[in-house]
C-alpha cells in the first residue's frame, strides 16, 4: 500500500512529466495510466522512470518495469513506496 503523500508526489510527477498539469485535480489513485493516457507511450514511460529515480532517490531496474506497475496512479505509488530509501 502507498502513503497519501507518496500518491500526491507521484500524481504531481506524472502530471509534470507528461505535460498534463491541467488535469492534475482529476487524477486519483484509480486513474488508469498505460492505455488510457495518450501521453504515456514508451517514451513517456522512460521519462517517468528517469524522473522517479531522480525525485525519489533510487535506481529502477528496467527488468522491474512492468505494465502492472503503470496500471494506475495507485500501483505506481505502491512501486515508489516499496522501493524508496
N, C-alpha and C. Protein backbone atom coordinates (compact mmCIF):
# COMPACT_ATOMS: atom_id res chain seq x y z
N UNK A 1 0.85 -1.18 0.00
CA UNK A 1 0.00 0.00 0.00
C UNK A 1 0.89 1.25 0.00
N UNK A 2 0.39 2.32 -0.47
CA UNK A 2 1.14 3.57 -0.57
C UNK A 2 0.63 4.57 0.46
N UNK A 3 1.45 5.56 0.76
CA UNK A 3 1.02 6.62 1.64
C UNK A 3 0.36 7.72 0.81
N UNK A 4 -0.47 8.50 1.46
CA UNK A 4 -1.15 9.60 0.77
C UNK A 4 -0.14 10.59 0.21
N UNK A 5 0.91 10.86 0.98
CA UNK A 5 1.90 11.82 0.50
C UNK A 5 2.63 11.29 -0.74
N UNK A 6 2.92 9.98 -0.77
CA UNK A 6 3.56 9.40 -1.95
C UNK A 6 2.62 9.51 -3.15
N UNK A 7 1.35 9.21 -2.95
CA UNK A 7 0.39 9.32 -4.06
C UNK A 7 0.37 10.75 -4.58
N UNK A 8 0.35 11.73 -3.70
CA UNK A 8 0.33 13.13 -4.13
C UNK A 8 1.60 13.49 -4.90
N UNK A 9 2.74 13.00 -4.42
CA UNK A 9 4.01 13.27 -5.10
C UNK A 9 4.04 12.61 -6.47
N UNK A 10 3.58 11.37 -6.56
CA UNK A 10 3.57 10.64 -7.84
C UNK A 10 2.58 11.30 -8.80
N UNK A 11 1.45 11.70 -8.30
CA UNK A 11 0.45 12.38 -9.15
C UNK A 11 1.04 13.65 -9.76
N UNK A 12 1.70 14.45 -8.94
CA UNK A 12 2.33 15.68 -9.44
C UNK A 12 3.43 15.36 -10.44
N UNK A 13 4.23 14.34 -10.14
CA UNK A 13 5.32 13.94 -11.04
C UNK A 13 4.78 13.51 -12.40
N UNK A 14 3.74 12.69 -12.40
CA UNK A 14 3.13 12.22 -13.65
C UNK A 14 2.59 13.40 -14.44
N UNK A 15 1.87 14.29 -13.77
CA UNK A 15 1.29 15.45 -14.46
C UNK A 15 2.36 16.34 -15.06
N UNK A 16 3.42 16.61 -14.29
CA UNK A 16 4.50 17.46 -14.78
C UNK A 16 5.25 16.80 -15.94
N UNK A 17 5.61 15.54 -15.77
CA UNK A 17 6.41 14.84 -16.77
C UNK A 17 5.66 14.69 -18.09
N UNK A 18 4.37 14.39 -18.00
CA UNK A 18 3.58 14.17 -19.22
C UNK A 18 2.93 15.44 -19.76
N UNK A 19 3.11 16.54 -19.05
CA UNK A 19 2.55 17.81 -19.51
C UNK A 19 1.04 17.87 -19.40
N UNK A 20 0.50 17.27 -18.35
CA UNK A 20 -0.96 17.26 -18.18
C UNK A 20 -1.35 17.91 -16.85
N UNK A 21 -0.63 18.95 -16.47
CA UNK A 21 -0.92 19.61 -15.20
C UNK A 21 -2.32 20.21 -15.18
N UNK A 22 -2.89 20.48 -16.35
CA UNK A 22 -4.26 20.99 -16.41
C UNK A 22 -5.27 19.94 -15.94
N UNK A 23 -4.87 18.68 -15.90
CA UNK A 23 -5.75 17.59 -15.46
C UNK A 23 -5.39 17.07 -14.07
N UNK A 24 -4.46 17.73 -13.39
CA UNK A 24 -3.96 17.26 -12.10
C UNK A 24 -5.08 16.98 -11.10
N UNK A 25 -6.04 17.87 -10.99
CA UNK A 25 -7.10 17.71 -10.00
C UNK A 25 -8.05 16.56 -10.30
N UNK A 26 -8.05 16.08 -11.52
CA UNK A 26 -8.94 14.96 -11.87
C UNK A 26 -8.25 13.60 -11.69
N UNK A 27 -6.97 13.61 -11.34
CA UNK A 27 -6.23 12.37 -11.17
C UNK A 27 -6.35 11.87 -9.73
N UNK A 28 -6.54 10.55 -9.57
CA UNK A 28 -6.53 9.94 -8.24
C UNK A 28 -5.92 8.55 -8.33
N UNK A 29 -5.92 7.82 -7.23
CA UNK A 29 -5.26 6.52 -7.18
C UNK A 29 -5.79 5.54 -8.21
N UNK A 30 -7.06 5.65 -8.56
CA UNK A 30 -7.65 4.70 -9.51
C UNK A 30 -7.51 5.13 -10.97
N UNK A 31 -6.89 6.28 -11.21
CA UNK A 31 -6.71 6.76 -12.58
C UNK A 31 -5.84 5.78 -13.36
N UNK A 32 -6.39 5.20 -14.44
CA UNK A 32 -5.58 4.29 -15.25
C UNK A 32 -4.52 5.06 -16.01
N UNK A 33 -3.36 4.44 -16.19
CA UNK A 33 -2.26 5.10 -16.88
C UNK A 33 -2.04 4.51 -18.27
N UNK A 34 -1.30 3.41 -18.37
CA UNK A 34 -0.98 2.82 -19.68
C UNK A 34 -2.28 2.43 -20.39
N UNK A 35 -2.40 2.87 -21.62
CA UNK A 35 -3.57 2.55 -22.42
C UNK A 35 -4.69 3.55 -22.26
N UNK A 36 -4.59 4.42 -21.26
CA UNK A 36 -5.64 5.41 -21.03
C UNK A 36 -5.16 6.84 -21.23
N UNK A 37 -3.91 7.09 -20.97
CA UNK A 37 -3.35 8.42 -21.19
C UNK A 37 -2.52 8.39 -22.47
N UNK A 38 -2.99 9.07 -23.51
CA UNK A 38 -2.25 9.03 -24.78
C UNK A 38 -0.83 9.57 -24.64
N UNK A 39 -0.60 10.41 -23.64
CA UNK A 39 0.74 10.96 -23.42
C UNK A 39 1.71 9.92 -22.87
N UNK A 40 1.18 8.82 -22.33
CA UNK A 40 2.04 7.80 -21.71
C UNK A 40 2.34 6.68 -22.71
N UNK A 41 3.24 6.99 -23.64
CA UNK A 41 3.72 5.99 -24.59
C UNK A 41 5.05 5.46 -24.06
N UNK A 42 5.79 4.74 -24.88
CA UNK A 42 7.05 4.15 -24.40
C UNK A 42 8.05 5.23 -23.98
N UNK A 43 8.08 6.34 -24.69
CA UNK A 43 8.96 7.44 -24.31
C UNK A 43 8.51 8.05 -22.98
N UNK A 44 7.20 8.18 -22.81
CA UNK A 44 6.65 8.70 -21.55
C UNK A 44 7.00 7.81 -20.37
N UNK A 45 6.95 6.50 -20.57
CA UNK A 45 7.33 5.57 -19.50
C UNK A 45 8.80 5.76 -19.14
N UNK A 46 9.66 5.86 -20.14
CA UNK A 46 11.09 6.06 -19.89
C UNK A 46 11.34 7.38 -19.15
N UNK A 47 10.63 8.43 -19.54
CA UNK A 47 10.77 9.72 -18.88
C UNK A 47 10.30 9.63 -17.42
N UNK A 48 9.18 8.96 -17.20
CA UNK A 48 8.67 8.81 -15.84
C UNK A 48 9.64 8.03 -14.96
N UNK A 49 10.20 6.97 -15.49
CA UNK A 49 11.16 6.17 -14.72
C UNK A 49 12.36 7.03 -14.35
N UNK A 50 12.87 7.81 -15.28
CA UNK A 50 14.01 8.69 -15.00
C UNK A 50 13.65 9.72 -13.94
N UNK A 51 12.46 10.29 -14.02
CA UNK A 51 12.02 11.28 -13.03
C UNK A 51 11.82 10.65 -11.66
N UNK A 52 11.28 9.43 -11.63
CA UNK A 52 11.10 8.71 -10.36
C UNK A 52 12.45 8.49 -9.69
N UNK A 53 13.43 8.04 -10.49
CA UNK A 53 14.77 7.81 -9.94
C UNK A 53 15.33 9.10 -9.33
N UNK A 54 15.21 10.19 -10.06
CA UNK A 54 15.76 11.46 -9.60
C UNK A 54 15.01 11.99 -8.37
N UNK A 55 13.71 12.01 -8.43
CA UNK A 55 12.92 12.61 -7.35
C UNK A 55 12.91 11.78 -6.08
N UNK A 56 12.87 10.45 -6.22
CA UNK A 56 12.71 9.61 -5.04
C UNK A 56 14.01 8.94 -4.59
N UNK A 57 15.09 9.13 -5.34
CA UNK A 57 16.40 8.71 -4.90
C UNK A 57 16.69 7.23 -4.91
N UNK A 58 16.18 6.53 -5.91
CA UNK A 58 16.55 5.12 -6.06
C UNK A 58 16.61 4.77 -7.53
N UNK A 59 17.38 3.73 -7.84
CA UNK A 59 17.51 3.27 -9.22
C UNK A 59 16.45 2.24 -9.53
N UNK A 60 15.86 2.37 -10.71
CA UNK A 60 14.86 1.41 -11.16
C UNK A 60 15.53 0.46 -12.13
N UNK A 61 15.48 -0.82 -11.83
CA UNK A 61 15.97 -1.84 -12.74
C UNK A 61 14.91 -2.03 -13.81
N UNK A 62 15.29 -1.84 -15.06
CA UNK A 62 14.29 -1.90 -16.12
C UNK A 62 13.61 -3.27 -16.21
N UNK A 63 14.22 -4.29 -15.62
CA UNK A 63 13.53 -5.60 -15.59
C UNK A 63 12.35 -5.57 -14.61
N UNK A 64 12.33 -4.55 -13.73
CA UNK A 64 11.21 -4.39 -12.79
C UNK A 64 10.06 -3.58 -13.38
N UNK A 65 10.31 -2.93 -14.52
CA UNK A 65 9.28 -2.09 -15.13
C UNK A 65 8.30 -3.00 -15.87
N UNK A 66 7.08 -3.00 -15.36
CA UNK A 66 6.04 -3.86 -15.95
C UNK A 66 4.80 -3.04 -16.26
N UNK A 67 3.93 -3.60 -17.05
CA UNK A 67 2.66 -2.96 -17.37
C UNK A 67 1.83 -2.80 -16.10
N UNK A 68 1.96 -3.76 -15.17
CA UNK A 68 1.21 -3.68 -13.91
C UNK A 68 1.65 -2.49 -13.07
N UNK A 69 2.93 -2.16 -13.12
CA UNK A 69 3.45 -1.02 -12.38
C UNK A 69 2.77 0.27 -12.83
N UNK A 70 2.48 0.36 -14.12
CA UNK A 70 1.87 1.55 -14.71
C UNK A 70 0.37 1.37 -14.96
N UNK A 71 -0.24 0.44 -14.25
CA UNK A 71 -1.68 0.20 -14.42
C UNK A 71 -2.49 1.41 -13.96
N UNK A 72 -2.12 2.00 -12.83
CA UNK A 72 -2.84 3.16 -12.30
C UNK A 72 -1.88 4.01 -11.48
N UNK A 73 -2.35 5.19 -11.10
CA UNK A 73 -1.53 6.02 -10.23
C UNK A 73 -1.25 5.31 -8.91
N UNK A 74 -2.22 4.58 -8.42
CA UNK A 74 -2.05 3.84 -7.17
C UNK A 74 -0.98 2.78 -7.26
N UNK A 75 -0.94 2.03 -8.36
CA UNK A 75 0.09 0.99 -8.48
C UNK A 75 1.47 1.60 -8.65
N UNK A 76 1.54 2.75 -9.30
CA UNK A 76 2.82 3.44 -9.44
C UNK A 76 3.28 3.97 -8.08
N UNK A 77 2.36 4.50 -7.29
CA UNK A 77 2.69 4.98 -5.94
C UNK A 77 3.15 3.81 -5.05
N UNK A 78 2.52 2.66 -5.20
CA UNK A 78 2.92 1.47 -4.44
C UNK A 78 4.36 1.07 -4.79
N UNK A 79 4.68 1.11 -6.08
CA UNK A 79 6.04 0.78 -6.52
C UNK A 79 7.04 1.75 -5.89
N UNK A 80 6.73 3.04 -5.91
CA UNK A 80 7.63 4.03 -5.33
C UNK A 80 7.80 3.78 -3.84
N UNK A 81 6.71 3.58 -3.11
CA UNK A 81 6.81 3.34 -1.66
C UNK A 81 7.62 2.09 -1.34
N UNK A 82 7.48 1.07 -2.17
CA UNK A 82 8.19 -0.19 -1.92
C UNK A 82 9.68 -0.07 -2.20
N UNK A 83 10.09 0.91 -2.98
CA UNK A 83 11.49 1.00 -3.42
C UNK A 83 12.25 2.21 -2.93
N UNK A 84 11.57 3.18 -2.39
CA UNK A 84 12.30 4.37 -1.95
C UNK A 84 13.09 4.09 -0.69
N UNK A 85 14.23 4.74 -0.57
CA UNK A 85 15.08 4.50 0.60
C UNK A 85 14.45 5.02 1.89
